[in-house]
Amino acid sequence: MEPLLIYKALANETRRQILEWLKDPAEHFDPAPYIQHGIEFKTGVCVADMQGKTGLAQSVISSYLATMQKAGLVESERIGKWTFYRRNEKTIREFADYIRNEL
């Protein structure tokens, strides 16, 4: 875990919002397309769905997700031509512990 990369990733409101959405994807995204393709939210959420929800360009969302992945906050899984992102709960717990114990 690299705290400075996490701080950088969390400095952006949209990236924080994406992490919140990924905490409970069923509350924030339509499950129908996922069910239709036999994909569960535990696999992650498609970049296109996050892009649609934010209204930002796909390239911007991809850049945000790359920053979050480099910081260890999210993990990705590619299925066919789609990439799905989910929270990396292990890193988030480690960072919470770091904040609690070091600051």
PDB file of N, CA and C in Angstrom:
ATOM      1  N   MET A   1       0.841  -1.181   0.000  1.00  0.00           N
ATOM      2  CA  MET A   1       0.000   0.000   0.000  1.00  0.00           C
ATOM      3  C   MET A   1       0.886   1.243   0.000  1.00  0.00           C
ATOM      4  N   GLU A   2       0.569   2.156  -0.876  1.00  0.00           N
ATOM      5  CA  GLU A   2       1.312   3.408  -1.006  1.00  0.00           C
ATOM      6  C   GLU A   2       0.376   4.571  -0.655  1.00  0.00           C
ATOM      7  N   PRO A   3       0.438   5.071   0.577  1.00  0.00           N
ATOM      8  CA  PRO A   3      -0.499   6.108   1.015  1.00  0.00           C
ATOM      9  C   PRO A   3      -0.549   7.336   0.116  1.00  0.00           C
ATOM     10  N   LEU A   4       0.593   7.787  -0.410  1.00  0.00           N
ATOM     11  CA  LEU A   4       0.583   8.991  -1.240  1.00  0.00           C
ATOM     12  C   LEU A   4      -0.236   8.803  -2.513  1.00  0.00           C
ATOM     13  N   LEU A   5      -0.165   7.617  -3.111  1.00  0.00           N
ATOM     14  CA  LEU A   5      -0.974   7.345  -4.306  1.00  0.00           C
ATOM     15  C   LEU A   5      -2.459   7.319  -3.954  1.00  0.00           C
ATOM     16  N   ILE A   6      -2.772   6.813  -2.781  1.00  0.00           N
ATOM     17  CA  ILE A   6      -4.172   6.766  -2.348  1.00  0.00           C
ATOM     18  C   ILE A   6      -4.691   8.176  -2.091  1.00  0.00           C
ATOM     19  N   TYR A   7      -3.886   8.998  -1.408  1.00  0.00           N
ATOM     20  CA  TYR A   7      -4.302  10.385  -1.175  1.00  0.00           C
ATOM     21  C   TYR A   7      -4.573  11.095  -2.506  1.00  0.00           C
ATOM     22  N   LYS A   8      -3.700  10.883  -3.479  1.00  0.00           N
ATOM     23  CA  LYS A   8      -3.874  11.515  -4.790  1.00  0.00           C
ATOM     24  C   LYS A   8      -5.181  11.042  -5.436  1.00  0.00           C
ATOM     25  N   ALA A   9      -5.416   9.751  -5.378  1.00  0.00           N
ATOM     26  CA  ALA A   9      -6.637   9.208  -5.986  1.00  0.00           C
ATOM     27  C   ALA A   9      -7.885   9.751  -5.301  1.00  0.00           C
ATOM     28  N   LEU A  10      -7.828   9.887  -3.988  1.00  0.00           N
ATOM     29  CA  LEU A  10      -8.997  10.344  -3.231  1.00  0.00           C
ATOM     30  C   LEU A  10      -9.181  11.865  -3.266  1.00  0.00           C
ATOM     31  N   ALA A  11      -8.214  12.583  -3.827  1.00  0.00           N
ATOM     32  CA  ALA A  11      -8.303  14.038  -3.893  1.00  0.00           C
ATOM     33  C   ALA A  11      -9.344  14.511  -4.907  1.00  0.00           C
ATOM     34  N   ASN A  12      -9.790  13.627  -5.765  1.00  0.00           N
ATOM     35  CA  ASN A  12     -10.754  13.978  -6.807  1.00  0.00           C
ATOM     36  C   ASN A  12     -12.150  13.511  -6.385  1.00  0.00           C
ATOM     37  N   GLU A  13     -13.112  14.417  -6.417  1.00  0.00           N
ATOM     38  CA  GLU A  13     -14.470  14.106  -5.968  1.00  0.00           C
ATOM     39  C   GLU A  13     -15.119  12.981  -6.773  1.00  0.00           C
ATOM     40  N   THR A  14     -14.920  12.974  -8.072  1.00  0.00           N
ATOM     41  CA  THR A  14     -15.528  11.925  -8.903  1.00  0.00           C
ATOM     42  C   THR A  14     -14.933  10.559  -8.580  1.00  0.00           C
ATOM     43  N   ARG A  15     -13.638  10.492  -8.351  1.00  0.00           N
ATOM     44  CA  ARG A  15     -13.031   9.208  -7.990  1.00  0.00           C
ATOM     45  C   ARG A  15     -13.573   8.723  -6.651  1.00  0.00           C
ATOM     46  N   ARG A  16     -13.744   9.638  -5.696  1.00  0.00           N
ATOM     47  CA  ARG A  16     -14.340   9.240  -4.408  1.00  0.00           C
ATOM     48  C   ARG A  16     -15.767   8.749  -4.624  1.00  0.00           C
ATOM     49  N   GLN A  17     -16.498   9.420  -5.484  1.00  0.00           N
ATOM     50  CA  GLN A  17     -17.874   9.036  -5.773  1.00  0.00           C
ATOM     51  C   GLN A  17     -17.926   7.643  -6.410  1.00  0.00           C
ATOM     52  N   ILE A  18     -17.020   7.371  -7.328  1.00  0.00           N
ATOM     53  CA  ILE A  18     -16.961   6.038  -7.952  1.00  0.00           C
ATOM     54  C   ILE A  18     -16.727   4.976  -6.889  1.00  0.00           C
ATOM     55  N   LEU A  19     -15.804   5.229  -5.959  1.00  0.00           N
ATOM     56  CA  LEU A  19     -15.569   4.264  -4.869  1.00  0.00           C
ATOM     57  C   LEU A  19     -16.833   4.040  -4.044  1.00  0.00           C
ATOM     58  N   GLU A  20     -17.579   5.112  -3.801  1.00  0.00           N
ATOM     59  CA  GLU A  20     -18.843   4.972  -3.063  1.00  0.00           C
ATOM     60  C   GLU A  20     -19.829   4.116  -3.857  1.00  0.00           C
ATOM     61  N   TRP A  21     -19.942   4.375  -5.148  1.00  0.00           N
ATOM     62  CA  TRP A  21     -20.851   3.587  -5.983  1.00  0.00           C
ATOM     63  C   TRP A  21     -20.464   2.117  -6.007  1.00  0.00           C
ATOM     64  N   LEU A  22     -19.159   1.856  -6.067  1.00  0.00           N
ATOM     65  CA  LEU A  22     -18.692   0.471  -6.135  1.00  0.00           C
ATOM     66  C   LEU A  22     -18.863  -0.259  -4.804  1.00  0.00           C
ATOM     67  N   LYS A  23     -19.069   0.486  -3.731  1.00  0.00           N
ATOM     68  CA  LYS A  23     -19.295  -0.151  -2.431  1.00  0.00           C
ATOM     69  C   LYS A  23     -20.596  -0.943  -2.455  1.00  0.00           C
ATOM     70  N   ASP A  24     -21.613  -0.413  -3.136  1.00  0.00           N
ATOM     71  CA  ASP A  24     -22.906  -1.098  -3.257  1.00  0.00           C
ATOM     72  C   ASP A  24     -23.445  -0.874  -4.671  1.00  0.00           C
ATOM     73  N   PRO A  25     -22.883  -1.586  -5.652  1.00  0.00           N
ATOM     74  CA  PRO A  25     -23.257  -1.336  -7.056  1.00  0.00           C
ATOM     75  C   PRO A  25     -24.743  -1.525  -7.346  1.00  0.00           C
ATOM     76  N   ALA A  26     -25.383  -2.466  -6.679  1.00  0.00           N
ATOM     77  CA  ALA A  26     -26.800  -2.724  -6.947  1.00  0.00           C
ATOM     78  C   ALA A  26     -27.672  -1.518  -6.601  1.00  0.00           C
ATOM     79  N   GLU A  27     -27.191  -0.688  -5.713  1.00  0.00           N
ATOM     80  CA  GLU A  27     -27.934   0.510  -5.326  1.00  0.00           C
ATOM     81  C   GLU A  27     -27.761   1.630  -6.353  1.00  0.00           C
ATOM     82  N   HIS A  28     -26.678   1.590  -7.111  1.00  0.00           N
ATOM     83  CA  HIS A  28     -26.342   2.712  -7.984  1.00  0.00           C
ATOM     84  C   HIS A  28     -26.387   2.404  -9.480  1.00  0.00           C
ATOM     85  N   PHE A  29     -26.450   1.130  -9.846  1.00  0.00           N
ATOM     86  CA  PHE A  29     -26.436   0.757 -11.257  1.00  0.00           C
ATOM     87  C   PHE A  29     -27.555  -0.249 -11.540  1.00  0.00           C
ATOM     88  N   ASP A  30     -28.048  -0.209 -12.756  1.00  0.00           N
ATOM     89  CA  ASP A  30     -29.104  -1.127 -13.189  1.00  0.00           C
ATOM     90  C   ASP A  30     -28.525  -2.534 -13.326  1.00  0.00           C
ATOM     91  N   PRO A  31     -29.059  -3.496 -12.555  1.00  0.00           N
ATOM     92  CA  PRO A  31     -28.511  -4.858 -12.626  1.00  0.00           C
ATOM     93  C   PRO A  31     -28.966  -5.644 -13.862  1.00  0.00           C
ATOM     94  N   ALA A  32     -30.011  -5.192 -14.550  1.00  0.00           N
ATOM     95  CA  ALA A  32     -30.579  -5.969 -15.657  1.00  0.00           C
ATOM     96  C   ALA A  32     -29.559  -6.371 -16.722  1.00  0.00           C
ATOM     97  N   PRO A  33     -28.741  -5.444 -17.247  1.00  0.00           N
ATOM     98  CA  PRO A  33     -27.767  -5.866 -18.279  1.00  0.00           C
ATOM     99  C   PRO A  33     -26.750  -6.879 -17.759  1.00  0.00           C
ATOM    100  N   TYR A  34     -26.421  -6.768 -16.490  1.00  0.00           N
ATOM    101  CA  TYR A  34     -25.464  -7.702 -15.896  1.00  0.00           C
ATOM    102  C   TYR A  34     -26.081  -9.094 -15.792  1.00  0.00           C
ATOM    103  N   ILE A  35     -27.304  -9.135 -15.296  1.00  0.00           N
ATOM    104  CA  ILE A  35     -28.020 -10.413 -15.163  1.00  0.00           C
ATOM    105  C   ILE A  35     -28.189 -11.055 -16.538  1.00  0.00           C
ATOM    106  N   GLN A  36     -28.545 -10.231 -17.510  1.00  0.00           N
ATOM    107  CA  GLN A  36     -28.747 -10.715 -18.876  1.00  0.00           C
ATOM    108  C   GLN A  36     -27.496 -11.396 -19.431  1.00  0.00           C
ATOM    109  N   HIS A  37     -26.328 -10.915 -19.045  1.00  0.00           N
ATOM    110  CA  HIS A  37     -25.071 -11.482 -19.534  1.00  0.00           C
ATOM    111  C   HIS A  37     -24.431 -12.441 -18.535  1.00  0.00           C
ATOM    112  N   GLY A  38     -25.153 -12.764 -17.464  1.00  0.00           N
ATOM    113  CA  GLY A  38     -24.634 -13.718 -16.489  1.00  0.00           C
ATOM    114  C   GLY A  38     -23.470 -13.190 -15.665  1.00  0.00           C
ATOM    115  N   ILE A  39     -23.444 -11.876 -15.464  1.00  0.00           N
ATOM    116  CA  ILE A  39     -22.366 -11.255 -14.697  1.00  0.00           C
ATOM    117  C   ILE A  39     -22.950 -10.702 -13.404  1.00  0.00           C
ATOM    118  N   GLU A  40     -22.262 -10.964 -12.309  1.00  0.00           N
ATOM    119  CA  GLU A  40     -22.693 -10.446 -11.017  1.00  0.00           C
ATOM    120  C   GLU A  40     -21.896  -9.198 -10.681  1.00  0.00           C
ATOM    121  N   PHE A  41     -22.470  -8.362  -9.822  1.00  0.00           N
ATOM    122  CA  PHE A  41     -21.772  -7.141  -9.436  1.00  0.00           C
ATOM    123  C   PHE A  41     -20.477  -7.428  -8.673  1.00  0.00           C
ATOM    124  N   LYS A  42     -20.333  -8.641  -8.113  1.00  0.00           N
ATOM    125  CA  LYS A  42     -19.068  -8.941  -7.434  1.00  0.00           C
ATOM    126  C   LYS A  42     -17.913  -8.978  -8.435  1.00  0.00           C
ATOM    127  N   THR A  43     -18.217  -9.181  -9.712  1.00  0.00           N
ATOM    128  CA  THR A  43     -17.208  -9.100 -10.768  1.00  0.00           C
ATOM    129  C   THR A  43     -16.763  -7.655 -10.942  1.00  0.00           C
ATOM    130  N   GLY A  44     -17.709  -6.741 -10.829  1.00  0.00           N
ATOM    131  CA  GLY A  44     -17.417  -5.321 -10.963  1.00  0.00           C
ATOM    132  C   GLY A  44     -18.462  -4.615 -11.785  1.00  0.00           C
ATOM    133  N   VAL A  45     -18.184  -3.359 -12.064  1.00  0.00           N
ATOM    134  CA  VAL A  45     -19.075  -2.507 -12.849  1.00  0.00           C
ATOM    135  C   VAL A  45     -18.330  -2.081 -14.104  1.00  0.00           C
ATOM    136  N   CYS A  46     -19.038  -2.100 -15.204  1.00  0.00           N
ATOM    137  CA  CYS A  46     -18.470  -1.749 -16.510  1.00  0.00           C
ATOM    138  C   CYS A  46     -18.140  -0.254 -16.572  1.00  0.00           C
ATOM    139  N   VAL A  47     -17.042   0.069 -17.219  1.00  0.00           N
ATOM    140  CA  VAL A  47     -16.613   1.461 -17.397  1.00  0.00           C
ATOM    141  C   VAL A  47     -17.727   2.280 -18.035  1.00  0.00           C
ATOM    142  N   ALA A  48     -18.418   1.712 -19.014  1.00  0.00           N
ATOM    143  CA  ALA A  48     -19.476   2.448 -19.715  1.00  0.00           C
ATOM    144  C   ALA A  48     -20.587   2.880 -18.762  1.00  0.00           C
ATOM    145  N   ASP A  49     -20.915   2.040 -17.779  1.00  0.00           N
ATOM    146  CA  ASP A  49     -21.962   2.410 -16.820  1.00  0.00           C
ATOM    147  C   ASP A  49     -21.507   3.559 -15.926  1.00  0.00           C
ATOM    148  N   MET A  50     -20.241   3.540 -15.514  1.00  0.00           N
ATOM    149  CA  MET A  50     -19.716   4.645 -14.700  1.00  0.00           C
ATOM    150  C   MET A  50     -19.661   5.922 -15.535  1.00  0.00           C
ATOM    151  N   GLN A  51     -19.264   5.781 -16.789  1.00  0.00           N
ATOM    152  CA  GLN A  51     -19.194   6.933 -17.684  1.00  0.00           C
ATOM    153  C   GLN A  51     -20.585   7.546 -17.850  1.00  0.00           C
ATOM    154  N   GLY A  52     -21.581   6.712 -18.046  1.00  0.00           N
ATOM    155  CA  GLY A  52     -22.945   7.205 -18.207  1.00  0.00           C
ATOM    156  C   GLY A  52     -23.456   7.918 -16.971  1.00  0.00           C
ATOM    157  N   LYS A  53     -23.104   7.406 -15.818  1.00  0.00           N
ATOM    158  CA  LYS A  53     -23.566   7.992 -14.553  1.00  0.00           C
ATOM    159  C   LYS A  53     -22.885   9.333 -14.269  1.00  0.00           C
ATOM    160  N   THR A  54     -21.625   9.472 -14.644  1.00  0.00           N
ATOM    161  CA  THR A  54     -20.904  10.719 -14.377  1.00  0.00           C
ATOM    162  C   THR A  54     -21.137  11.769 -15.456  1.00  0.00           C
ATOM    163  N   GLY A  55     -21.406  11.301 -16.681  1.00  0.00           N
ATOM    164  CA  GLY A  55     -21.543  12.233 -17.792  1.00  0.00           C
ATOM    165  C   GLY A  55     -20.201  12.695 -18.348  1.00  0.00           C
ATOM    166  N   LEU A  56     -19.124  12.123 -17.825  1.00  0.00           N
ATOM    167  CA  LEU A  56     -17.786  12.472 -18.312  1.00  0.00           C
ATOM    168  C   LEU A  56     -17.406  11.568 -19.480  1.00  0.00           C
ATOM    169  N   ALA A  57     -16.426  11.971 -20.229  1.00  0.00           N
ATOM    170  CA  ALA A  57     -15.958  11.171 -21.362  1.00  0.00           C
ATOM    171  C   ALA A  57     -15.389   9.841 -20.871  1.00  0.00           C
ATOM    172  N   GLN A  58     -15.519   8.830 -21.717  1.00  0.00           N
ATOM    173  CA  GLN A  58     -15.016   7.500 -21.366  1.00  0.00           C
ATOM    174  C   GLN A  58     -13.523   7.548 -21.075  1.00  0.00           C
ATOM    175  N   SER A  59     -12.779   8.363 -21.828  1.00  0.00           N
ATOM    176  CA  SER A  59     -11.338   8.457 -21.615  1.00  0.00           C
ATOM    177  C   SER A  59     -11.019   9.039 -20.236  1.00  0.00           C
ATOM    178  N   VAL A  60     -11.838   9.963 -19.759  1.00  0.00           N
ATOM    179  CA  VAL A  60     -11.634  10.559 -18.435  1.00  0.00           C
ATOM    180  C   VAL A  60     -11.883   9.511 -17.356  1.00  0.00           C
ATOM    181  N   ILE A  61     -12.975   8.766 -17.493  1.00  0.00           N
ATOM    182  CA  ILE A  61     -13.288   7.722 -16.510  1.00  0.00           C
ATOM    183  C   ILE A  61     -12.194   6.660 -16.526  1.00  0.00           C
ATOM    184  N   SER A  62     -11.734   6.271 -17.694  1.00  0.00           N
ATOM    185  CA  SER A  62     -10.652   5.284 -17.774  1.00  0.00           C
ATOM    186  C   SER A  62      -9.395   5.791 -17.084  1.00  0.00           C
ATOM    187  N   SER A  63      -9.096   7.066 -17.261  1.00  0.00           N
ATOM    188  CA  SER A  63      -7.940   7.661 -16.599  1.00  0.00           C
ATOM    189  C   SER A  63      -8.127   7.662 -15.076  1.00  0.00           C
ATOM    190  N   TYR A  64      -9.303   8.019 -14.624  1.00  0.00           N
ATOM    191  CA  TYR A  64      -9.595   8.001 -13.187  1.00  0.00           C
ATOM    192  C   TYR A  64      -9.436   6.593 -12.621  1.00  0.00           C
ATOM    193  N   LEU A  65      -9.964   5.613 -13.331  1.00  0.00           N
ATOM    194  CA  LEU A  65      -9.879   4.226 -12.866  1.00  0.00           C
ATOM    195  C   LEU A  65      -8.428   3.735 -12.866  1.00  0.00           C
ATOM    196  N   ALA A  66      -7.644   4.173 -13.840  1.00  0.00           N
ATOM    197  CA  ALA A  66      -6.223   3.790 -13.874  1.00  0.00           C
ATOM    198  C   ALA A  66      -5.497   4.364 -12.657  1.00  0.00           C
ATOM    199  N   THR A  67      -5.806   5.594 -12.297  1.00  0.00           N
ATOM    200  CA  THR A  67      -5.214   6.211 -11.105  1.00  0.00           C
ATOM    201  C   THR A  67      -5.611   5.435  -9.857  1.00  0.00           C
ATOM    202  N   MET A  68      -6.879   5.068  -9.771  1.00  0.00           N
ATOM    203  CA  MET A  68      -7.375   4.319  -8.615  1.00  0.00           C
ATOM    204  C   MET A  68      -6.769   2.917  -8.563  1.00  0.00           C
ATOM    205  N   GLN A  69      -6.582   2.314  -9.734  1.00  0.00           N
ATOM    206  CA  GLN A  69      -5.990   0.976  -9.773  1.00  0.00           C
ATOM    207  C   GLN A  69      -4.517   1.035  -9.390  1.00  0.00           C
ATOM    208  N   LYS A  70      -3.805   2.047  -9.853  1.00  0.00           N
ATOM    209  CA  LYS A  70      -2.392   2.209  -9.499  1.00  0.00           C
ATOM    210  C   LYS A  70      -2.240   2.384  -7.985  1.00  0.00           C
ATOM    211  N   ALA A  71      -3.213   3.055  -7.363  1.00  0.00           N
ATOM    212  CA  ALA A  71      -3.201   3.258  -5.909  1.00  0.00           C
ATOM    213  C   ALA A  71      -3.650   2.011  -5.162  1.00  0.00           C
ATOM    214  N   GLY A  72      -4.191   1.026  -5.895  1.00  0.00           N
ATOM    215  CA  GLY A  72      -4.643  -0.213  -5.266  1.00  0.00           C
ATOM    216  C   GLY A  72      -6.062  -0.164  -4.748  1.00  0.00           C
ATOM    217  N   LEU A  73      -6.797   0.908  -5.067  1.00  0.00           N
ATOM    218  CA  LEU A  73      -8.160   1.052  -4.554  1.00  0.00           C
ATOM    219  C   LEU A  73      -9.190   0.223  -5.314  1.00  0.00           C
ATOM    220  N   VAL A  74      -8.892  -0.082  -6.574  1.00  0.00           N
ATOM    221  CA  VAL A  74      -9.802  -0.899  -7.374  1.00  0.00           C
ATOM    222  C   VAL A  74      -9.017  -2.002  -8.078  1.00  0.00           C
ATOM    223  N   GLU A  75      -9.758  -3.036  -8.427  1.00  0.00           N
ATOM    224  CA  GLU A  75      -9.231  -4.151  -9.215  1.00  0.00           C
ATOM    225  C   GLU A  75     -10.073  -4.240 -10.481  1.00  0.00           C
ATOM    226  N   SER A  76      -9.515  -4.803 -11.526  1.00  0.00           N
ATOM    227  CA  SER A  76     -10.276  -4.938 -12.767  1.00  0.00           C
ATOM    228  C   SER A  76     -10.288  -6.387 -13.234  1.00  0.00           C
ATOM    229  N   GLU A  77     -11.313  -6.680 -14.014  1.00  0.00           N
ATOM    230  CA  GLU A  77     -11.434  -7.997 -14.634  1.00  0.00           C
ATOM    231  C   GLU A  77     -11.980  -7.791 -16.038  1.00  0.00           C
ATOM    232  N   ARG A  78     -11.287  -8.360 -17.003  1.00  0.00           N
ATOM    233  CA  ARG A  78     -11.711  -8.221 -18.396  1.00  0.00           C
ATOM    234  C   ARG A  78     -12.515  -9.459 -18.786  1.00  0.00           C
ATOM    235  N   ILE A  79     -13.694  -9.201 -19.350  1.00  0.00           N
ATOM    236  CA  ILE A  79     -14.550 -10.269 -19.868  1.00  0.00           C
ATOM    237  C   ILE A  79     -14.935  -9.854 -21.280  1.00  0.00           C
ATOM    238  N   GLY A  80     -14.411 -10.587 -22.246  1.00  0.00           N
ATOM    239  CA  GLY A  80     -14.642 -10.213 -23.640  1.00  0.00           C
ATOM    240  C   GLY A  80     -14.018  -8.862 -23.915  1.00  0.00           C
ATOM    241  N   LYS A  81     -14.805  -7.952 -24.487  1.00  0.00           N
ATOM    242  CA  LYS A  81     -14.278  -6.623 -24.789  1.00  0.00           C
ATOM    243  C   LYS A  81     -14.526  -5.624 -23.666  1.00  0.00           C
ATOM    244  N   TRP A  82     -15.123  -6.069 -22.574  1.00  0.00           N
ATOM    245  CA  TRP A  82     -15.484  -5.181 -21.472  1.00  0.00           C
ATOM    246  C   TRP A  82     -14.552  -5.365 -20.282  1.00  0.00           C
ATOM    247  N   THR A  83     -14.278  -4.275 -19.593  1.00  0.00           N
ATOM    248  CA  THR A  83     -13.505  -4.324 -18.358  1.00  0.00           C
ATOM    249  C   THR A  83     -14.403  -3.887 -17.220  1.00  0.00           C
ATOM    250  N   PHE A  84     -14.400  -4.671 -16.162  1.00  0.00           N
ATOM    251  CA  PHE A  84     -15.229  -4.419 -14.989  1.00  0.00           C
ATOM    252  C   PHE A  84     -14.330  -4.081 -13.808  1.00  0.00           C
ATOM    253  N   TYR A  85     -14.763  -3.099 -13.030  1.00  0.00           N
ATOM    254  CA  TYR A  85     -13.979  -2.649 -11.881  1.00  0.00           C
ATOM    255  C   TYR A  85     -14.760  -2.863 -10.600  1.00  0.00           C
ATOM    256  N   ARG A  86     -14.029  -3.265  -9.561  1.00  0.00           N
ATOM    257  CA  ARG A  86     -14.598  -3.435  -8.219  1.00  0.00           C
ATOM    258  C   ARG A  86     -13.604  -2.870  -7.221  1.00  0.00           C
ATOM    259  N   ARG A  87     -14.099  -2.588  -6.035  1.00  0.00           N
ATOM    260  CA  ARG A  87     -13.238  -2.075  -4.973  1.00  0.00           C
ATOM    261  C   ARG A  87     -12.257  -3.146  -4.507  1.00  0.00           C
ATOM    262  N   ASN A  88     -11.076  -2.715  -4.113  1.00  0.00           N
ATOM    263  CA  ASN A  88     -10.103  -3.611  -3.498  1.00  0.00           C
ATOM    264  C   ASN A  88     -10.222  -3.385  -1.989  1.00  0.00           C
ATOM    265  N   GLU A  89     -11.077  -4.176  -1.370  1.00  0.00           N
ATOM    266  CA  GLU A  89     -11.388  -3.979   0.045  1.00  0.00           C
ATOM    267  C   GLU A  89     -10.166  -4.159   0.938  1.00  0.00           C
ATOM    268  N   LYS A  90      -9.240  -5.008   0.525  1.00  0.00           N
ATOM    269  CA  LYS A  90      -8.030  -5.234   1.332  1.00  0.00           C
ATOM    270  C   LYS A  90      -7.220  -3.939   1.455  1.00  0.00           C
ATOM    271  N   THR A  91      -6.991  -3.273   0.340  1.00  0.00           N
ATOM    272  CA  THR A  91      -6.241  -2.019   0.368  1.00  0.00           C
ATOM    273  C   THR A  91      -7.004  -0.943   1.131  1.00  0.00           C
ATOM    274  N   ILE A  92      -8.303  -0.886   0.950  1.00  0.00           N
ATOM    275  CA  ILE A  92      -9.111   0.117   1.653  1.00  0.00           C
ATOM    276  C   ILE A  92      -9.033  -0.103   3.160  1.00  0.00           C
ATOM    277  N   ARG A  93      -9.078  -1.355   3.604  1.00  0.00           N
ATOM    278  CA  ARG A  93      -8.926  -1.655   5.039  1.00  0.00           C
ATOM    279  C   ARG A  93      -7.534  -1.274   5.537  1.00  0.00           C
ATOM    280  N   GLU A  94      -6.510  -1.604   4.752  1.00  0.00           N
ATOM    281  CA  GLU A  94      -5.137  -1.263   5.140  1.00  0.00           C
ATOM    282  C   GLU A  94      -4.968   0.253   5.257  1.00  0.00           C
ATOM    283  N   PHE A  95      -5.557   0.994   4.331  1.00  0.00           N
ATOM    284  CA  PHE A  95      -5.460   2.449   4.375  1.00  0.00           C
ATOM    285  C   PHE A  95      -6.208   2.999   5.590  1.00  0.00           C
ATOM    286  N   ALA A  96      -7.374   2.449   5.874  1.00  0.00           N
ATOM    287  CA  ALA A  96      -8.122   2.869   7.065  1.00  0.00           C
ATOM    288  C   ALA A  96      -7.305   2.615   8.330  1.00  0.00           C
ATOM    289  N   ASP A  97      -6.653   1.462   8.399  1.00  0.00           N
ATOM    290  CA  ASP A  97      -5.792   1.156   9.533  1.00  0.00           C
ATOM    291  C   ASP A  97      -4.631   2.141   9.618  1.00  0.00           C
ATOM    292  N   TYR A  98      -4.046   2.452   8.471  1.00  0.00           N
ATOM    293  CA  TYR A  98      -2.943   3.406   8.418  1.00  0.00           C
ATOM    294  C   TYR A  98      -3.393   4.759   8.979  1.00  0.00           C
ATOM    295  N   ILE A  99      -4.537   5.236   8.535  1.00  0.00           N
ATOM    296  CA  ILE A  99      -5.073   6.522   8.999  1.00  0.00           C
ATOM    297  C   ILE A  99      -5.290   6.466  10.510  1.00  0.00           C
ATOM    298  N   ARG A 100      -5.918   5.397  10.962  1.00  0.00           N
ATOM    299  CA  ARG A 100      -6.245   5.234  12.377  1.00  0.00           C
ATOM    300  C   ARG A 100      -4.974   5.176  13.239  1.00  0.00           C
ATOM    301  N   ASN A 101      -3.961   4.495  12.772  1.00  0.00           N
ATOM    302  CA  ASN A 101      -2.761   4.248  13.596  1.00  0.00           C
ATOM    303  C   ASN A 101      -1.635   5.247  13.399  1.00  0.00           C
ATOM    304  N   GLU A 102      -1.550   5.852  12.228  1.00  0.00           N
ATOM    305  CA  GLU A 102      -0.399   6.698  11.931  1.00  0.00           C
ATOM    306  C   GLU A 102      -0.681   8.196  11.990  1.00  0.00           C
ATOM    307  N   LEU A 103      -1.917   8.584  11.781  1.00  0.00           N
ATOM    308  CA  LEU A 103      -2.211  10.021  11.771  1.00  0.00           C
ATOM    309  C   LEU A 103      -2.890  10.457  13.041  1.00  0.00           C
TER     310      LEU A 103
END
